[in-house]
Amino acid sequence: QVQLVESGGGLVQPGGSLRLSCAASGSTFSIDAMGWYRQAPGKQRELVAAISSGGSTTYADSVKGRFTISRDNTKNTVYLQMNSLKPEDTAVYYCNALIKIRIELPPQNYWGQGTQVTVSS
């Protein structure tokens, strides 16, 4: 059983910073891409940032230059450093990972439970 456990959300003032973490545990033969999505009330879930197993990154235009995604493959963990936060960044942030649990099986998509980020004065 694979689990993605997120931490690091909370309430922060505009202009502030937060760092999200997501650790994969359980039977993980290999982890391919990892990423962060977010969903604001009344809106669709959207990709925030993603990182490949080799370290290539992609970002939503709205967070470029403010957010940084990174990963520690030795800890099966992905991070999202969020700086210069704006009220429009308020959302539930979800961790996502493409994981092979056994060599003979295709990779599957896994999601974390979500962590709330609220940017407000």
C-alpha atoms as a PDB file:
ATOM      1  CA  GLN A   1       0.000   0.000   0.000  1.00  0.00           C
ATOM      2  CA  VAL A   2       1.401   3.367  -1.060  1.00  0.00           C
ATOM      3  CA  GLN A   3       0.663   6.548   0.846  1.00  0.00           C
ATOM      4  CA  LEU A   4       1.533  10.153   0.117  1.00  0.00           C
ATOM      5  CA  VAL A   5       1.600  12.228   3.299  1.00  0.00           C
ATOM      6  CA  GLU A   6       1.680  16.014   2.997  1.00  0.00           C
ATOM      7  CA  SER A   7       2.667  18.600   5.564  1.00  0.00           C
ATOM      8  CA  GLY A   8       3.479  22.284   5.794  1.00  0.00           C
ATOM      9  CA  GLY A   9       0.235  24.054   4.963  1.00  0.00           C
ATOM     10  CA  GLY A  10      -1.243  26.819   7.050  1.00  0.00           C
ATOM     11  CA  LEU A  11      -2.181  30.470   7.261  1.00  0.00           C
ATOM     12  CA  VAL A  12       0.271  33.090   6.031  1.00  0.00           C
ATOM     13  CA  GLN A  13       0.109  36.802   5.279  1.00  0.00           C
ATOM     14  CA  PRO A  14       0.456  38.100   1.717  1.00  0.00           C
ATOM     15  CA  GLY A  15       4.119  38.253   0.779  1.00  0.00           C
ATOM     16  CA  GLY A  16       4.979  35.437   3.163  1.00  0.00           C
ATOM     17  CA  SER A  17       6.428  31.988   2.536  1.00  0.00           C
ATOM     18  CA  LEU A  18       5.507  28.386   3.183  1.00  0.00           C
ATOM     19  CA  ARG A  19       7.205  25.094   2.411  1.00  0.00           C
ATOM     20  CA  LEU A  20       5.128  22.020   1.624  1.00  0.00           C
ATOM     21  CA  SER A  21       6.494  18.493   1.927  1.00  0.00           C
ATOM     22  CA  CYS A  22       5.119  15.207   0.635  1.00  0.00           C
ATOM     23  CA  ALA A  23       6.636  11.850   1.518  1.00  0.00           C
ATOM     24  CA  ALA A  24       5.793   8.600  -0.242  1.00  0.00           C
ATOM     25  CA  SER A  25       5.742   5.510   1.945  1.00  0.00           C
ATOM     26  CA  GLY A  26       4.936   1.854   1.463  1.00  0.00           C
ATOM     27  CA  SER A  27       5.785  -0.406  -1.430  1.00  0.00           C
ATOM     28  CA  THR A  28       7.512   1.860  -3.936  1.00  0.00           C
ATOM     29  CA  PHE A  29       9.727   0.097  -6.474  1.00  0.00           C
ATOM     30  CA  SER A  30      10.339   3.367  -8.323  1.00  0.00           C
ATOM     31  CA  ILE A  31       8.884   6.872  -8.422  1.00  0.00           C
ATOM     32  CA  ASP A  32       8.686   8.746 -11.708  1.00  0.00           C
ATOM     33  CA  ALA A  33       7.237  12.250 -11.859  1.00  0.00           C
ATOM     34  CA  MET A  34       6.067  14.002  -8.696  1.00  0.00           C
ATOM     35  CA  GLY A  35       4.067  17.172  -8.513  1.00  0.00           C
ATOM     36  CA  TRP A  36       1.782  19.559  -6.722  1.00  0.00           C
ATOM     37  CA  TYR A  37      -1.743  20.498  -7.719  1.00  0.00           C
ATOM     38  CA  ARG A  38      -4.157  22.887  -6.078  1.00  0.00           C
ATOM     39  CA  GLN A  39      -7.879  23.400  -5.964  1.00  0.00           C
ATOM     40  CA  ALA A  40      -9.550  26.602  -4.851  1.00  0.00           C
ATOM     41  CA  PRO A  41     -13.249  26.697  -3.885  1.00  0.00           C
ATOM     42  CA  GLY A  42     -15.434  26.560  -6.969  1.00  0.00           C
ATOM     43  CA  LYS A  43     -12.498  25.949  -9.291  1.00  0.00           C
ATOM     44  CA  GLN A  44     -10.991  22.941 -11.012  1.00  0.00           C
ATOM     45  CA  ARG A  45      -7.857  21.289  -9.728  1.00  0.00           C
ATOM     46  CA  GLU A  46      -4.819  22.694 -11.535  1.00  0.00           C
ATOM     47  CA  LEU A  47      -1.183  21.781 -11.873  1.00  0.00           C
ATOM     48  CA  VAL A  48       1.109  24.029  -9.857  1.00  0.00           C
ATOM     49  CA  ALA A  49       4.490  22.389 -10.462  1.00  0.00           C
ATOM     50  CA  ALA A  50       5.976  19.039 -11.408  1.00  0.00           C
ATOM     51  CA  ILE A  51       9.407  17.450 -11.343  1.00  0.00           C
ATOM     52  CA  SER A  52      10.676  14.387 -13.181  1.00  0.00           C
ATOM     53  CA  SER A  53      12.822  11.673 -11.640  1.00  0.00           C
ATOM     54  CA  GLY A  54      15.785  13.342 -13.319  1.00  0.00           C
ATOM     55  CA  GLY A  55      15.014  16.762 -11.920  1.00  0.00           C
ATOM     56  CA  SER A  56      13.362  18.514 -14.878  1.00  0.00           C
ATOM     57  CA  THR A  57      10.720  20.949 -13.681  1.00  0.00           C
ATOM     58  CA  THR A  58       7.617  22.639 -15.009  1.00  0.00           C
ATOM     59  CA  TYR A  59       5.514  25.393 -13.445  1.00  0.00           C
ATOM     60  CA  ALA A  60       2.161  27.034 -13.933  1.00  0.00           C
ATOM     61  CA  ASP A  61       2.623  30.549 -15.315  1.00  0.00           C
ATOM     62  CA  SER A  62       0.938  31.996 -12.226  1.00  0.00           C
ATOM     63  CA  VAL A  63       3.675  30.710  -9.886  1.00  0.00           C
ATOM     64  CA  LYS A  64       6.813  31.031 -12.024  1.00  0.00           C
ATOM     65  CA  GLY A  65       9.508  32.931 -10.199  1.00  0.00           C
ATOM     66  CA  ARG A  66       7.747  32.538  -6.830  1.00  0.00           C
ATOM     67  CA  PHE A  67       7.485  28.766  -6.264  1.00  0.00           C
ATOM     68  CA  THR A  68      10.243  26.160  -6.445  1.00  0.00           C
ATOM     69  CA  ILE A  69       9.696  22.411  -6.617  1.00  0.00           C
ATOM     70  CA  SER A  70      12.417  19.981  -5.585  1.00  0.00           C
ATOM     71  CA  ARG A  71      12.728  16.352  -4.548  1.00  0.00           C
ATOM     72  CA  ASP A  72      14.928  14.115  -2.452  1.00  0.00           C
ATOM     73  CA  ASN A  73      14.946  10.703  -4.095  1.00  0.00           C
ATOM     74  CA  THR A  74      16.681   9.124  -1.086  1.00  0.00           C
ATOM     75  CA  LYS A  75      13.665  10.080   1.033  1.00  0.00           C
ATOM     76  CA  ASN A  76      10.956   9.648  -1.633  1.00  0.00           C
ATOM     77  CA  THR A  77       9.948  13.211  -0.832  1.00  0.00           C
ATOM     78  CA  VAL A  78       8.914  16.193  -2.922  1.00  0.00           C
ATOM     79  CA  TYR A  79       8.908  19.789  -1.698  1.00  0.00           C
ATOM     80  CA  LEU A  80       7.241  23.003  -2.783  1.00  0.00           C
ATOM     81  CA  GLN A  81       8.842  26.227  -1.581  1.00  0.00           C
ATOM     82  CA  MET A  82       6.296  29.008  -1.950  1.00  0.00           C
ATOM     83  CA  ASN A  83       7.498  32.612  -1.685  1.00  0.00           C
ATOM     84  CA  SER A  84       5.777  35.961  -2.232  1.00  0.00           C
ATOM     85  CA  LEU A  85       2.437  34.332  -1.582  1.00  0.00           C
ATOM     86  CA  LYS A  86      -0.715  36.066  -2.799  1.00  0.00           C
ATOM     87  CA  PRO A  87      -4.345  35.701  -1.696  1.00  0.00           C
ATOM     88  CA  GLU A  88      -5.083  33.990  -5.013  1.00  0.00           C
ATOM     89  CA  ASP A  89      -2.708  31.178  -3.995  1.00  0.00           C
ATOM     90  CA  THR A  90      -5.256  30.161  -1.357  1.00  0.00           C
ATOM     91  CA  ALA A  91      -6.312  26.580  -2.066  1.00  0.00           C
ATOM     92  CA  VAL A  92      -6.010  22.979  -0.981  1.00  0.00           C
ATOM     93  CA  TYR A  93      -2.684  21.703  -2.268  1.00  0.00           C
ATOM     94  CA  TYR A  94      -2.406  18.063  -3.318  1.00  0.00           C
ATOM     95  CA  CYS A  95       0.701  15.999  -3.816  1.00  0.00           C
ATOM     96  CA  ASN A  96       0.782  13.656  -6.805  1.00  0.00           C
ATOM     97  CA  ALA A  97       3.217  10.927  -7.803  1.00  0.00           C
ATOM     98  CA  LEU A  98       3.566   8.329 -10.550  1.00  0.00           C
ATOM     99  CA  ILE A  99       4.738   5.178  -8.792  1.00  0.00           C
ATOM    100  CA  LYS A 100       5.658   1.636  -9.778  1.00  0.00           C
ATOM    101  CA  ILE A 101       5.045  -0.696  -6.863  1.00  0.00           C
ATOM    102  CA  ARG A 102       6.558  -3.710  -8.634  1.00  0.00           C
ATOM    103  CA  ILE A 103       8.860  -4.016 -11.604  1.00  0.00           C
ATOM    104  CA  GLU A 104       6.366  -5.981 -13.687  1.00  0.00           C
ATOM    105  CA  LEU A 105       3.483  -3.551 -13.122  1.00  0.00           C
ATOM    106  CA  PRO A 106       2.861  -0.252 -14.940  1.00  0.00           C
ATOM    107  CA  PRO A 107       3.195   2.971 -12.941  1.00  0.00           C
ATOM    108  CA  GLN A 108       0.063   4.273 -11.240  1.00  0.00           C
ATOM    109  CA  ASN A 109      -1.058   7.711 -10.145  1.00  0.00           C
ATOM    110  CA  TYR A 110      -1.264   8.396  -6.405  1.00  0.00           C
ATOM    111  CA  TRP A 111      -2.624  11.412  -4.529  1.00  0.00           C
ATOM    112  CA  GLY A 112      -2.090  12.831  -1.083  1.00  0.00           C
ATOM    113  CA  GLN A 113      -4.945  13.875   1.171  1.00  0.00           C
ATOM    114  CA  GLY A 114      -4.414  17.591   0.596  1.00  0.00           C
ATOM    115  CA  THR A 115      -3.180  20.399   2.793  1.00  0.00           C
ATOM    116  CA  GLN A 116      -4.842  23.808   3.148  1.00  0.00           C
ATOM    117  CA  VAL A 117      -2.885  26.933   2.277  1.00  0.00           C
ATOM    118  CA  THR A 118      -4.567  30.217   3.173  1.00  0.00           C
ATOM    119  CA  VAL A 119      -3.020  33.557   2.274  1.00  0.00           C
ATOM    120  CA  SER A 120      -4.747  36.363   4.110  1.00  0.00           C
ATOM    121  CA  SER A 121      -4.044  39.413   6.200  1.00  0.00           C
END
